[in-house]
PDB file of N, CA and C in Angstrom:
ATOM      1  N   UNK A   1     -53.060   3.724  31.828  1.00  0.00           N
ATOM      2  CA  UNK A   1     -52.784   2.384  32.282  1.00  0.00           C
ATOM      3  C   UNK A   1     -52.442   2.431  33.767  1.00  0.00           C
ATOM      4  N   UNK A   2     -52.795   1.404  34.450  1.00  0.00           N
ATOM      5  CA  UNK A   2     -52.506   1.287  35.862  1.00  0.00           C
ATOM      6  C   UNK A   2     -50.995   1.220  36.075  1.00  0.00           C
ATOM      7  N   UNK A   3     -50.493   1.951  37.052  1.00  0.00           N
ATOM      8  CA  UNK A   3     -49.052   2.029  37.297  1.00  0.00           C
ATOM      9  C   UNK A   3     -48.500   0.677  37.733  1.00  0.00           C
ATOM     10  N   UNK A   4     -49.215  -0.024  38.588  1.00  0.00           N
ATOM     11  CA  UNK A   4     -48.750  -1.326  39.060  1.00  0.00           C
ATOM     12  C   UNK A   4     -48.663  -2.320  37.907  1.00  0.00           C
ATOM     13  N   UNK A   5     -49.630  -2.292  37.014  1.00  0.00           N
ATOM     14  CA  UNK A   5     -49.609  -3.192  35.855  1.00  0.00           C
ATOM     15  C   UNK A   5     -48.463  -2.835  34.918  1.00  0.00           C
ATOM     16  N   UNK A   6     -48.195  -1.561  34.740  1.00  0.00           N
ATOM     17  CA  UNK A   6     -47.092  -1.141  33.877  1.00  0.00           C
ATOM     18  C   UNK A   6     -45.751  -1.591  34.446  1.00  0.00           C
ATOM     19  N   UNK A   7     -45.577  -1.489  35.752  1.00  0.00           N
ATOM     20  CA  UNK A   7     -44.330  -1.949  36.381  1.00  0.00           C
ATOM     21  C   UNK A   7     -44.174  -3.456  36.247  1.00  0.00           C
ATOM     22  N   UNK A   8     -45.260  -4.183  36.477  1.00  0.00           N
ATOM     23  CA  UNK A   8     -45.217  -5.639  36.359  1.00  0.00           C
ATOM     24  C   UNK A   8     -44.879  -6.050  34.933  1.00  0.00           C
ATOM     25  N   UNK A   9     -45.501  -5.397  33.960  1.00  0.00           N
ATOM     26  CA  UNK A   9     -45.226  -5.714  32.557  1.00  0.00           C
ATOM     27  C   UNK A   9     -43.781  -5.392  32.178  1.00  0.00           C
ATOM     28  N   UNK A  10     -43.242  -4.293  32.690  1.00  0.00           N
ATOM     29  CA  UNK A  10     -41.851  -3.941  32.412  1.00  0.00           C
ATOM     30  C   UNK A  10     -40.911  -4.979  33.017  1.00  0.00           C
ATOM     31  N   UNK A  11     -41.212  -5.469  34.215  1.00  0.00           N
ATOM     32  CA  UNK A  11     -40.377  -6.489  34.842  1.00  0.00           C
ATOM     33  C   UNK A  11     -40.423  -7.783  34.048  1.00  0.00           C
ATOM     34  N   UNK A  12     -41.590  -8.137  33.565  1.00  0.00           N
ATOM     35  CA  UNK A  12     -41.710  -9.365  32.784  1.00  0.00           C
ATOM     36  C   UNK A  12     -40.933  -9.257  31.473  1.00  0.00           C
ATOM     37  N   UNK A  13     -40.941  -8.093  30.846  1.00  0.00           N
ATOM     38  CA  UNK A  13     -40.132  -7.888  29.636  1.00  0.00           C
ATOM     39  C   UNK A  13     -38.651  -8.064  29.939  1.00  0.00           C
ATOM     40  N   UNK A  14     -38.192  -7.478  31.049  1.00  0.00           N
ATOM     41  CA  UNK A  14     -36.787  -7.630  31.435  1.00  0.00           C
ATOM     42  C   UNK A  14     -36.474  -9.079  31.759  1.00  0.00           C
ATOM     43  N   UNK A  15     -37.402  -9.760  32.413  1.00  0.00           N
ATOM     44  CA  UNK A  15     -37.206 -11.157  32.779  1.00  0.00           C
ATOM     45  C   UNK A  15     -37.025 -12.022  31.536  1.00  0.00           C
ATOM     46  N   UNK A  16     -37.866 -11.826  30.545  1.00  0.00           N
ATOM     47  CA  UNK A  16     -37.771 -12.603  29.303  1.00  0.00           C
ATOM     48  C   UNK A  16     -36.466 -12.304  28.585  1.00  0.00           C
ATOM     49  N   UNK A  17     -36.076 -11.057  28.563  1.00  0.00           N
ATOM     50  CA  UNK A  17     -34.851 -10.650  27.883  1.00  0.00           C
ATOM     51  C   UNK A  17     -33.613 -11.277  28.548  1.00  0.00           C
ATOM     52  N   UNK A  18     -33.601 -11.282  29.869  1.00  0.00           N
ATOM     53  CA  UNK A  18     -32.467 -11.857  30.581  1.00  0.00           C
ATOM     54  C   UNK A  18     -32.481 -13.377  30.483  1.00  0.00           C
ATOM     55  N   UNK A  19     -33.640 -13.994  30.588  1.00  0.00           N
ATOM     56  CA  UNK A  19     -33.756 -15.444  30.607  1.00  0.00           C
ATOM     57  C   UNK A  19     -33.341 -16.073  29.277  1.00  0.00           C
ATOM     58  N   UNK A  20     -33.380 -15.284  28.176  1.00  0.00           N
ATOM     59  CA  UNK A  20     -32.910 -15.798  26.890  1.00  0.00           C
ATOM     60  C   UNK A  20     -31.439 -16.163  26.948  1.00  0.00           C
ATOM     61  N   UNK A  21     -30.670 -15.400  27.721  1.00  0.00           N
ATOM     62  CA  UNK A  21     -29.228 -15.576  27.763  1.00  0.00           C
ATOM     63  C   UNK A  21     -28.754 -16.381  28.964  1.00  0.00           C
ATOM     64  N   UNK A  22     -29.477 -16.336  30.053  1.00  0.00           N
ATOM     65  CA  UNK A  22     -29.030 -16.962  31.295  1.00  0.00           C
ATOM     66  C   UNK A  22     -29.654 -18.346  31.407  1.00  0.00           C
ATOM     67  N   UNK A  23     -28.799 -19.369  31.361  1.00  0.00           N
ATOM     68  CA  UNK A  23     -29.241 -20.752  31.522  1.00  0.00           C
ATOM     69  C   UNK A  23     -28.354 -21.434  32.547  1.00  0.00           C
ATOM     70  N   UNK A  24     -28.941 -22.221  33.393  1.00  0.00           N
ATOM     71  CA  UNK A  24     -28.182 -22.958  34.388  1.00  0.00           C
ATOM     72  C   UNK A  24     -27.835 -24.339  33.872  1.00  0.00           C
ATOM     73  N   UNK A  25     -26.576 -24.722  34.005  1.00  0.00           N
ATOM     74  CA  UNK A  25     -26.117 -26.040  33.590  1.00  0.00           C
ATOM     75  C   UNK A  25     -25.710 -26.826  34.828  1.00  0.00           C
ATOM     76  N   UNK A  26     -25.231 -28.034  34.604  1.00  0.00           N
ATOM     77  CA  UNK A  26     -24.783 -28.845  35.731  1.00  0.00           C
ATOM     78  C   UNK A  26     -23.558 -28.208  36.373  1.00  0.00           C
ATOM     79  N   UNK A  27     -22.652 -27.667  35.544  1.00  0.00           N
ATOM     80  CA  UNK A  27     -21.428 -27.056  36.070  1.00  0.00           C
ATOM     81  C   UNK A  27     -21.721 -25.718  36.744  1.00  0.00           C
ATOM     82  N   UNK A  28     -22.609 -24.910  36.133  1.00  0.00           N
ATOM     83  CA  UNK A  28     -22.953 -23.589  36.677  1.00  0.00           C
ATOM     84  C   UNK A  28     -24.477 -23.451  36.716  1.00  0.00           C
ATOM     85  N   UNK A  29     -25.097 -23.855  37.819  1.00  0.00           N
ATOM     86  CA  UNK A  29     -26.553 -23.685  37.909  1.00  0.00           C
ATOM     87  C   UNK A  29     -26.935 -22.221  38.058  1.00  0.00           C
ATOM     88  N   UNK A  30     -28.208 -21.950  37.923  1.00  0.00           N
ATOM     89  CA  UNK A  30     -28.732 -20.578  37.936  1.00  0.00           C
ATOM     90  C   UNK A  30     -29.228 -20.216  39.332  1.00  0.00           C
ATOM     91  N   UNK A  31     -28.744 -19.082  39.852  1.00  0.00           N
ATOM     92  CA  UNK A  31     -29.227 -18.527  41.121  1.00  0.00           C
ATOM     93  C   UNK A  31     -30.335 -17.539  40.787  1.00  0.00           C
ATOM     94  N   UNK A  32     -31.573 -17.937  41.049  1.00  0.00           N
ATOM     95  CA  UNK A  32     -32.744 -17.135  40.704  1.00  0.00           C
ATOM     96  C   UNK A  32     -33.279 -16.454  41.963  1.00  0.00           C
ATOM     97  N   UNK A  33     -33.583 -15.167  41.839  1.00  0.00           N
ATOM     98  CA  UNK A  33     -34.028 -14.361  42.973  1.00  0.00           C
ATOM     99  C   UNK A  33     -35.414 -13.818  42.678  1.00  0.00           C
ATOM    100  N   UNK A  34     -36.282 -13.867  43.676  1.00  0.00           N
ATOM    101  CA  UNK A  34     -37.599 -13.242  43.580  1.00  0.00           C
ATOM    102  C   UNK A  34     -37.820 -12.425  44.834  1.00  0.00           C
ATOM    103  N   UNK A  35     -38.344 -11.222  44.664  1.00  0.00           N
ATOM    104  CA  UNK A  35     -38.638 -10.399  45.830  1.00  0.00           C
ATOM    105  C   UNK A  35     -40.085  -9.944  45.767  1.00  0.00           C
ATOM    106  N   UNK A  36     -40.698  -9.931  46.925  1.00  0.00           N
ATOM    107  CA  UNK A  36     -42.020  -9.340  47.072  1.00  0.00           C
ATOM    108  C   UNK A  36     -41.872  -8.196  48.068  1.00  0.00           C
ATOM    109  N   UNK A  37     -42.953  -7.564  48.393  1.00  0.00           N
ATOM    110  CA  UNK A  37     -42.854  -6.450  49.330  1.00  0.00           C
ATOM    111  C   UNK A  37     -42.529  -6.921  50.742  1.00  0.00           C
ATOM    112  N   UNK A  38     -42.868  -8.159  51.071  1.00  0.00           N
ATOM    113  CA  UNK A  38     -42.661  -8.657  52.426  1.00  0.00           C
ATOM    114  C   UNK A  38     -41.505  -9.641  52.559  1.00  0.00           C
ATOM    115  N   UNK A  39     -41.133 -10.339  51.496  1.00  0.00           N
ATOM    116  CA  UNK A  39     -40.133 -11.406  51.590  1.00  0.00           C
ATOM    117  C   UNK A  39     -39.210 -11.380  50.387  1.00  0.00           C
ATOM    118  N   UNK A  40     -38.117 -12.144  50.487  1.00  0.00           N
ATOM    119  CA  UNK A  40     -37.210 -12.351  49.363  1.00  0.00           C
ATOM    120  C   UNK A  40     -36.854 -13.834  49.328  1.00  0.00           C
ATOM    121  N   UNK A  41     -36.817 -14.385  48.138  1.00  0.00           N
ATOM    122  CA  UNK A  41     -36.594 -15.808  47.932  1.00  0.00           C
ATOM    123  C   UNK A  41     -35.423 -15.993  46.976  1.00  0.00           C
ATOM    124  N   UNK A  42     -34.632 -17.036  47.188  1.00  0.00           N
ATOM    125  CA  UNK A  42     -33.535 -17.363  46.287  1.00  0.00           C
ATOM    126  C   UNK A  42     -33.488 -18.877  46.138  1.00  0.00           C
ATOM    127  N   UNK A  43     -33.236 -19.323  44.929  1.00  0.00           N
ATOM    128  CA  UNK A  43     -33.084 -20.756  44.703  1.00  0.00           C
ATOM    129  C   UNK A  43     -32.050 -20.987  43.611  1.00  0.00           C
ATOM    130  N   UNK A  44     -31.373 -22.095  43.715  1.00  0.00           N
ATOM    131  CA  UNK A  44     -30.388 -22.488  42.708  1.00  0.00           C
ATOM    132  C   UNK A  44     -31.008 -23.615  41.900  1.00  0.00           C
ATOM    133  N   UNK A  45     -31.139 -23.365  40.581  1.00  0.00           N
ATOM    134  CA  UNK A  45     -31.869 -24.263  39.694  1.00  0.00           C
ATOM    135  C   UNK A  45     -30.932 -24.801  38.635  1.00  0.00           C
ATOM    136  N   UNK A  46     -31.057 -26.088  38.347  1.00  0.00           N
ATOM    137  CA  UNK A  46     -30.331 -26.712  37.255  1.00  0.00           C
ATOM    138  C   UNK A  46     -31.331 -26.863  36.107  1.00  0.00           C
ATOM    139  N   UNK A  47     -31.178 -26.061  35.051  1.00  0.00           N
ATOM    140  CA  UNK A  47     -32.205 -25.920  34.029  1.00  0.00           C
ATOM    141  C   UNK A  47     -32.331 -27.100  33.070  1.00  0.00           C
ATOM    142  N   UNK A  48     -31.309 -27.916  32.931  1.00  0.00           N
ATOM    143  CA  UNK A  48     -31.434 -29.031  31.991  1.00  0.00           C
ATOM    144  C   UNK A  48     -32.439 -30.063  32.480  1.00  0.00           C
ATOM    145  N   UNK A  49     -32.520 -30.263  33.806  1.00  0.00           N
ATOM    146  CA  UNK A  49     -33.522 -31.169  34.363  1.00  0.00           C
ATOM    147  C   UNK A  49     -34.673 -30.428  35.017  1.00  0.00           C
ATOM    148  N   UNK A  50     -34.496 -29.127  35.267  1.00  0.00           N
ATOM    149  CA  UNK A  50     -35.552 -28.328  35.883  1.00  0.00           C
ATOM    150  C   UNK A  50     -35.687 -28.542  37.376  1.00  0.00           C
ATOM    151  N   UNK A  51     -34.626 -28.983  38.028  1.00  0.00           N
ATOM    152  CA  UNK A  51     -34.694 -29.265  39.457  1.00  0.00           C
ATOM    153  C   UNK A  51     -34.089 -28.132  40.274  1.00  0.00           C
ATOM    154  N   UNK A  52     -34.707 -27.869  41.410  1.00  0.00           N
ATOM    155  CA  UNK A  52     -34.169 -26.914  42.361  1.00  0.00           C
ATOM    156  C   UNK A  52     -33.189 -27.652  43.257  1.00  0.00           C
ATOM    157  N   UNK A  53     -31.943 -27.190  43.265  1.00  0.00           N
ATOM    158  CA  UNK A  53     -30.908 -27.851  44.048  1.00  0.00           C
ATOM    159  C   UNK A  53     -30.865 -27.327  45.475  1.00  0.00           C
ATOM    160  N   UNK A  54     -30.977 -26.010  45.642  1.00  0.00           N
ATOM    161  CA  UNK A  54     -30.881 -25.372  46.947  1.00  0.00           C
ATOM    162  C   UNK A  54     -31.862 -24.207  46.967  1.00  0.00           C
ATOM    163  N   UNK A  55     -32.479 -23.961  48.123  1.00  0.00           N
ATOM    164  CA  UNK A  55     -33.389 -22.825  48.249  1.00  0.00           C
ATOM    165  C   UNK A  55     -33.254 -22.204  49.629  1.00  0.00           C
ATOM    166  N   UNK A  56     -33.453 -20.893  49.680  1.00  0.00           N
ATOM    167  CA  UNK A  56     -33.470 -20.163  50.947  1.00  0.00           C
ATOM    168  C   UNK A  56     -34.380 -18.954  50.775  1.00  0.00           C
ATOM    169  N   UNK A  57     -35.021 -18.560  51.851  1.00  0.00           N
ATOM    170  CA  UNK A  57     -35.894 -17.388  51.796  1.00  0.00           C
ATOM    171  C   UNK A  57     -36.085 -16.838  53.195  1.00  0.00           C
ATOM    172  N   UNK A  58     -36.703 -15.687  53.269  1.00  0.00           N
ATOM    173  CA  UNK A  58     -36.998 -15.102  54.570  1.00  0.00           C
ATOM    174  C   UNK A  58     -38.151 -15.824  55.251  1.00  0.00           C
ATOM    175  N   UNK A  59     -38.823 -16.711  54.551  1.00  0.00           N
ATOM    176  CA  UNK A  59     -39.901 -17.496  55.134  1.00  0.00           C
ATOM    177  C   UNK A  59     -39.330 -18.689  55.895  1.00  0.00           C
ATOM    178  N   UNK A  60     -38.168 -19.199  55.459  1.00  0.00           N
ATOM    179  CA  UNK A  60     -37.576 -20.362  56.108  1.00  0.00           C
ATOM    180  C   UNK A  60     -37.134 -20.012  57.531  1.00  0.00           C
ATOM    181  N   UNK A  61     -37.229 -20.985  58.411  1.00  0.00           N
ATOM    182  CA  UNK A  61     -37.013 -20.744  59.829  1.00  0.00           C
ATOM    183  C   UNK A  61     -35.576 -20.355  60.150  1.00  0.00           C
ATOM    184  N   UNK A  62     -34.598 -20.943  59.446  1.00  0.00           N
ATOM    185  CA  UNK A  62     -33.209 -20.644  59.775  1.00  0.00           C
ATOM    186  C   UNK A  62     -32.831 -19.206  59.436  1.00  0.00           C
ATOM    187  N   UNK A  63     -33.466 -18.603  58.448  1.00  0.00           N
ATOM    188  CA  UNK A  63     -33.180 -17.215  58.082  1.00  0.00           C
ATOM    189  C   UNK A  63     -34.066 -16.248  58.858  1.00  0.00           C
ATOM    190  N   UNK A  64     -35.295 -16.645  59.148  1.00  0.00           N
ATOM    191  CA  UNK A  64     -36.260 -15.745  59.784  1.00  0.00           C
ATOM    192  C   UNK A  64     -35.942 -15.446  61.241  1.00  0.00           C
ATOM    193  N   UNK A  65     -35.130 -16.285  61.874  1.00  0.00           N
ATOM    194  CA  UNK A  65     -34.795 -16.059  63.278  1.00  0.00           C
ATOM    195  C   UNK A  65     -34.014 -14.765  63.422  1.00  0.00           C
ATOM    196  N   UNK A  66     -34.439 -13.922  64.315  1.00  0.00           N
ATOM    197  CA  UNK A  66     -33.747 -12.674  64.587  1.00  0.00           C
ATOM    198  C   UNK A  66     -34.079 -11.541  63.624  1.00  0.00           C
ATOM    199  N   UNK A  67     -34.985 -11.756  62.702  1.00  0.00           N
ATOM    200  CA  UNK A  67     -35.378 -10.711  61.761  1.00  0.00           C
ATOM    201  C   UNK A  67     -36.695 -10.091  62.213  1.00  0.00           C
ATOM    202  N   UNK A  68     -36.693  -8.778  62.349  1.00  0.00           N
ATOM    203  CA  UNK A  68     -37.934  -8.087  62.697  1.00  0.00           C
ATOM    204  C   UNK A  68     -38.834  -7.950  61.486  1.00  0.00           C
ATOM    205  N   UNK A  69     -38.244  -7.590  60.349  1.00  0.00           N
ATOM    206  CA  UNK A  69     -39.003  -7.393  59.122  1.00  0.00           C
ATOM    207  C   UNK A  69     -38.259  -8.106  58.006  1.00  0.00           C
ATOM    208  N   UNK A  70     -38.955  -8.892  57.214  1.00  0.00           N
ATOM    209  CA  UNK A  70     -38.310  -9.718  56.198  1.00  0.00           C
ATOM    210  C   UNK A  70     -38.181  -9.011  54.860  1.00  0.00           C
ATOM    211  N   UNK A  71     -38.674  -7.793  54.714  1.00  0.00           N
ATOM    212  CA  UNK A  71     -38.635  -7.111  53.439  1.00  0.00           C
ATOM    213  C   UNK A  71     -37.612  -6.004  53.380  1.00  0.00           C
ATOM    214  N   UNK A  72     -36.462  -6.180  54.032  1.00  0.00           N
ATOM    215  CA  UNK A  72     -35.465  -5.125  54.014  1.00  0.00           C
ATOM    216  C   UNK A  72     -34.101  -5.667  53.578  1.00  0.00           C
ATOM    217  N   UNK A  73     -33.113  -4.794  53.509  1.00  0.00           N
ATOM    218  CA  UNK A  73     -31.795  -5.156  52.998  1.00  0.00           C
ATOM    219  C   UNK A  73     -31.094  -6.140  53.930  1.00  0.00           C
ATOM    220  N   UNK A  74     -31.256  -6.000  55.236  1.00  0.00           N
ATOM    221  CA  UNK A  74     -30.611  -6.914  56.174  1.00  0.00           C
ATOM    222  C   UNK A  74     -31.126  -8.337  55.988  1.00  0.00           C
ATOM    223  N   UNK A  75     -32.412  -8.484  55.754  1.00  0.00           N
ATOM    224  CA  UNK A  75     -32.979  -9.807  55.512  1.00  0.00           C
ATOM    225  C   UNK A  75     -32.454 -10.383  54.198  1.00  0.00           C
ATOM    226  N   UNK A  76     -32.284  -9.546  53.189  1.00  0.00           N
ATOM    227  CA  UNK A  76     -31.743 -10.013  51.914  1.00  0.00           C
ATOM    228  C   UNK A  76     -30.304 -10.490  52.075  1.00  0.00           C
ATOM    229  N   UNK A  77     -29.526  -9.798  52.899  1.00  0.00           N
ATOM    230  CA  UNK A  77     -28.157 -10.239  53.169  1.00  0.00           C
ATOM    231  C   UNK A  77     -28.157 -11.599  53.857  1.00  0.00           C
ATOM    232  N   UNK A  78     -29.080 -11.803  54.782  1.00  0.00           N
ATOM    233  CA  UNK A  78     -29.173 -13.085  55.477  1.00  0.00           C
ATOM    234  C   UNK A  78     -29.526 -14.213  54.514  1.00  0.00           C
ATOM    235  N   UNK A  79     -30.420 -13.940  53.564  1.00  0.00           N
ATOM    236  CA  UNK A  79     -30.793 -14.951  52.570  1.00  0.00           C
ATOM    237  C   UNK A  79     -29.605 -15.249  51.662  1.00  0.00           C
ATOM    238  N   UNK A  80     -28.855 -14.227  51.266  1.00  0.00           N
ATOM    239  CA  UNK A  80     -27.676 -14.436  50.422  1.00  0.00           C
ATOM    240  C   UNK A  80     -26.632 -15.289  51.105  1.00  0.00           C
ATOM    241  N   UNK A  81     -26.402 -15.037  52.373  1.00  0.00           N
ATOM    242  CA  UNK A  81     -25.445 -15.842  53.125  1.00  0.00           C
ATOM    243  C   UNK A  81     -25.937 -17.278  53.271  1.00  0.00           C
ATOM    244  N   UNK A  82     -27.223 -17.452  53.548  1.00  0.00           N
ATOM    245  CA  UNK A  82     -27.791 -18.794  53.733  1.00  0.00           C
ATOM    246  C   UNK A  82     -27.746 -19.598  52.444  1.00  0.00           C
ATOM    247  N   UNK A  83     -28.068 -18.971  51.316  1.00  0.00           N
ATOM    248  CA  UNK A  83     -28.067 -19.707  50.049  1.00  0.00           C
ATOM    249  C   UNK A  83     -26.647 -20.106  49.673  1.00  0.00           C
ATOM    250  N   UNK A  84     -25.679 -19.253  49.957  1.00  0.00           N
ATOM    251  CA  UNK A  84     -24.284 -19.585  49.648  1.00  0.00           C
ATOM    252  C   UNK A  84     -23.792 -20.727  50.527  1.00  0.00           C
ATOM    253  N   UNK A  85     -24.134 -20.712  51.805  1.00  0.00           N
ATOM    254  CA  UNK A  85     -23.706 -21.793  52.693  1.00  0.00           C
ATOM    255  C   UNK A  85     -24.320 -23.119  52.278  1.00  0.00           C
ATOM    256  N   UNK A  86     -25.606 -23.116  51.931  1.00  0.00           N
ATOM    257  CA  UNK A  86     -26.267 -24.343  51.494  1.00  0.00           C
ATOM    258  C   UNK A  86     -25.681 -24.834  50.167  1.00  0.00           C
ATOM    259  N   UNK A  87     -25.334 -23.913  49.285  1.00  0.00           N
ATOM    260  CA  UNK A  87     -24.748 -24.298  47.998  1.00  0.00           C
ATOM    261  C   UNK A  87     -23.369 -24.911  48.184  1.00  0.00           C
ATOM    262  N   UNK A  88     -22.574 -24.324  49.054  1.00  0.00           N
ATOM    263  CA  UNK A  88     -21.237 -24.871  49.302  1.00  0.00           C
ATOM    264  C   UNK A  88     -21.313 -26.248  49.950  1.00  0.00           C
ATOM    265  N   UNK A  89     -22.338 -26.491  50.763  1.00  0.00           N
ATOM    266  CA  UNK A  89     -22.550 -27.826  51.329  1.00  0.00           C
ATOM    267  C   UNK A  89     -22.874 -28.837  50.237  1.00  0.00           C
ATOM    268  N   UNK A  90     -23.561 -28.400  49.193  1.00  0.00           N
ATOM    269  CA  UNK A  90     -23.901 -29.260  48.059  1.00  0.00           C
ATOM    270  C   UNK A  90     -22.774 -29.310  47.021  1.00  0.00           C
ATOM    271  N   UNK A  91     -21.636 -28.682  47.336  1.00  0.00           N
ATOM    272  CA  UNK A  91     -20.460 -28.622  46.466  1.00  0.00           C
ATOM    273  C   UNK A  91     -20.733 -27.814  45.193  1.00  0.00           C
ATOM    274  N   UNK A  92     -21.529 -26.759  45.318  1.00  0.00           N
ATOM    275  CA  UNK A  92     -21.786 -25.817  44.230  1.00  0.00           C
ATOM    276  C   UNK A  92     -20.988 -24.564  44.531  1.00  0.00           C
ATOM    277  N   UNK A  93     -20.026 -24.253  43.662  1.00  0.00           N
ATOM    278  CA  UNK A  93     -19.158 -23.112  43.914  1.00  0.00           C
ATOM    279  C   UNK A  93     -19.395 -21.973  42.939  1.00  0.00           C
ATOM    280  N   UNK A  94     -19.850 -22.297  41.714  1.00  0.00           N
ATOM    281  CA  UNK A  94     -20.097 -21.277  40.703  1.00  0.00           C
ATOM    282  C   UNK A  94     -21.537 -21.338  40.245  1.00  0.00           C
ATOM    283  N   UNK A  95     -22.134 -20.167  40.067  1.00  0.00           N
ATOM    284  CA  UNK A  95     -23.498 -20.063  39.581  1.00  0.00           C
ATOM    285  C   UNK A  95     -23.577 -18.917  38.576  1.00  0.00           C
ATOM    286  N   UNK A  96     -24.678 -18.867  37.848  1.00  0.00           N
ATOM    287  CA  UNK A  96     -24.997 -17.691  37.041  1.00  0.00           C
ATOM    288  C   UNK A  96     -26.153 -16.989  37.741  1.00  0.00           C
ATOM    289  N   UNK A  97     -26.105 -15.671  37.805  1.00  0.00           N
ATOM    290  CA  UNK A  97     -27.077 -14.905  38.580  1.00  0.00           C
ATOM    291  C   UNK A  97     -28.230 -14.480  37.691  1.00  0.00           C
ATOM    292  N   UNK A  98     -29.439 -14.804  38.121  1.00  0.00           N
ATOM    293  CA  UNK A  98     -30.661 -14.417  37.422  1.00  0.00           C
ATOM    294  C   UNK A  98     -31.444 -13.493  38.345  1.00  0.00           C
ATOM    295  N   UNK A  99     -31.474 -12.216  37.993  1.00  0.00           N
ATOM    296  CA  UNK A  99     -32.164 -11.246  38.837  1.00  0.00           C
ATOM    297  C   UNK A  99     -33.660 -11.247  38.588  1.00  0.00           C
ATOM    298  N   UNK A 100     -34.116 -12.064  37.642  1.00  0.00           N
ATOM    299  CA  UNK A 100     -35.541 -12.309  37.418  1.00  0.00           C
ATOM    300  C   UNK A 100     -36.300 -11.050  37.001  1.00  0.00           C
ATOM    301  N   UNK A 101     -35.628 -10.149  36.296  1.00  0.00           N
ATOM    302  CA  UNK A 101     -36.283  -8.944  35.814  1.00  0.00           C
ATOM    303  C   UNK A 101     -36.259  -7.788  36.787  1.00  0.00           C
ATOM    304  N   UNK A 102     -35.802  -8.021  38.001  1.00  0.00           N
ATOM    305  CA  UNK A 102     -35.717  -6.944  38.982  1.00  0.00           C
ATOM    306  C   UNK A 102     -34.461  -6.131  38.725  1.00  0.00           C
ATOM    307  N   UNK A 103     -34.518  -4.850  38.996  1.00  0.00           N
ATOM    308  CA  UNK A 103     -33.354  -4.001  38.819  1.00  0.00           C
ATOM    309  C   UNK A 103     -32.292  -4.359  39.854  1.00  0.00           C
ATOM    310  N   UNK A 104     -31.031  -4.269  39.445  1.00  0.00           N
ATOM    311  CA  UNK A 104     -29.927  -4.685  40.302  1.00  0.00           C
ATOM    312  C   UNK A 104     -29.550  -3.547  41.241  1.00  0.00           C
ATOM    313  N   UNK A 105     -30.316  -3.377  42.278  1.00  0.00           N
ATOM    314  CA  UNK A 105     -30.007  -2.439  43.348  1.00  0.00           C
ATOM    315  C   UNK A 105     -30.829  -2.836  44.559  1.00  0.00           C
ATOM    316  N   UNK A 106     -30.526  -2.249  45.696  1.00  0.00           N
ATOM    317  CA  UNK A 106     -31.294  -2.520  46.898  1.00  0.00           C
ATOM    318  C   UNK A 106     -31.163  -3.943  47.387  1.00  0.00           C
ATOM    319  N   UNK A 107     -32.294  -4.608  47.568  1.00  0.00           N
ATOM    320  CA  UNK A 107     -32.303  -5.950  48.142  1.00  0.00           C
ATOM    321  C   UNK A 107     -31.671  -6.989  47.225  1.00  0.00           C
ATOM    322  N   UNK A 108     -31.848  -6.840  45.911  1.00  0.00           N
ATOM    323  CA  UNK A 108     -31.256  -7.793  44.968  1.00  0.00           C
ATOM    324  C   UNK A 108     -29.731  -7.702  45.024  1.00  0.00           C
ATOM    325  N   UNK A 109     -29.216  -6.498  45.032  1.00  0.00           N
ATOM    326  CA  UNK A 109     -27.770  -6.284  45.103  1.00  0.00           C
ATOM    327  C   UNK A 109     -27.220  -6.768  46.446  1.00  0.00           C
ATOM    328  N   UNK A 110     -27.937  -6.528  47.526  1.00  0.00           N
ATOM    329  CA  UNK A 110     -27.496  -6.964  48.846  1.00  0.00           C
ATOM    330  C   UNK A 110     -27.411  -8.483  48.926  1.00  0.00           C
ATOM    331  N   UNK A 111     -28.395  -9.176  48.368  1.00  0.00           N
ATOM    332  CA  UNK A 111     -28.382 -10.635  48.352  1.00  0.00           C
ATOM    333  C   UNK A 111     -27.198 -11.143  47.540  1.00  0.00           C
ATOM    334  N   UNK A 112     -26.952 -10.560  46.371  1.00  0.00           N
ATOM    335  CA  UNK A 112     -25.848 -10.991  45.522  1.00  0.00           C
ATOM    336  C   UNK A 112     -24.504 -10.759  46.190  1.00  0.00           C
ATOM    337  N   UNK A 113     -24.326  -9.594  46.785  1.00  0.00           N
ATOM    338  CA  UNK A 113     -23.067  -9.278  47.449  1.00  0.00           C
ATOM    339  C   UNK A 113     -22.821 -10.209  48.639  1.00  0.00           C
ATOM    340  N   UNK A 114     -23.862 -10.516  49.406  1.00  0.00           N
ATOM    341  CA  UNK A 114     -23.714 -11.411  50.549  1.00  0.00           C
ATOM    342  C   UNK A 114     -23.374 -12.827  50.095  1.00  0.00           C
ATOM    343  N   UNK A 115     -23.970 -13.269  48.987  1.00  0.00           N
ATOM    344  CA  UNK A 115     -23.656 -14.600  48.470  1.00  0.00           C
ATOM    345  C   UNK A 115     -22.215 -14.681  47.988  1.00  0.00           C
ATOM    346  N   UNK A 116     -21.747 -13.595  47.351  1.00  0.00           N
ATOM    347  CA  UNK A 116     -20.342 -13.557  46.904  1.00  0.00           C
ATOM    348  C   UNK A 116     -19.393 -13.598  48.095  1.00  0.00           C
ATOM    349  N   UNK A 117     -19.700 -12.807  49.120  1.00  0.00           N
ATOM    350  CA  UNK A 117     -18.839 -12.768  50.301  1.00  0.00           C
ATOM    351  C   UNK A 117     -18.805 -14.111  51.010  1.00  0.00           C
ATOM    352  N   UNK A 118     -19.888 -14.877  50.948  1.00  0.00           N
ATOM    353  CA  UNK A 118     -19.955 -16.168  51.619  1.00  0.00           C
ATOM    354  C   UNK A 118     -19.308 -17.279  50.801  1.00  0.00           C
ATOM    355  N   UNK A 119     -18.880 -16.995  49.568  1.00  0.00           N
ATOM    356  CA  UNK A 119     -18.110 -17.986  48.828  1.00  0.00           C
ATOM    357  C   UNK A 119     -18.620 -18.383  47.466  1.00  0.00           C
ATOM    358  N   UNK A 120     -19.783 -17.917  47.043  1.00  0.00           N
ATOM    359  CA  UNK A 120     -20.257 -18.245  45.697  1.00  0.00           C
ATOM    360  C   UNK A 120     -19.566 -17.360  44.675  1.00  0.00           C
ATOM    361  N   UNK A 121     -19.267 -17.913  43.518  1.00  0.00           N
ATOM    362  CA  UNK A 121     -18.610 -17.158  42.455  1.00  0.00           C
ATOM    363  C   UNK A 121     -19.592 -16.959  41.311  1.00  0.00           C
ATOM    364  N   UNK A 122     -19.826 -15.690  40.963  1.00  0.00           N
ATOM    365  CA  UNK A 122     -20.609 -15.320  39.778  1.00  0.00           C
ATOM    366  C   UNK A 122     -20.332 -13.889  39.422  1.00  0.00           C
TER     367      UNK A 122
END
């Protein structure tokens, strides 16, 4: 089997397993993270209505300024700080973290830690 396909399938299995338990409500919306090789994206979703309340990524202009490469840990920290600041502006203080099937290390961990330091509780 192709190695890339096996990794993708393993991530999807983890994603389904985690998504069974992690649901975003009005009181505690879901902070969902997606990473690609070049960028990292984060959004806060309220699952009962399916609406995205807040979003930030390395593609957005406010985060991309001053970044040489968007696929590294420093860029993930910037996205975590930006998503937390935008959430606090929307009066969102608590979220549930959805790592979207990605392993909790590297860029995912950096984004989560930066969001916690900026004031989000999860």
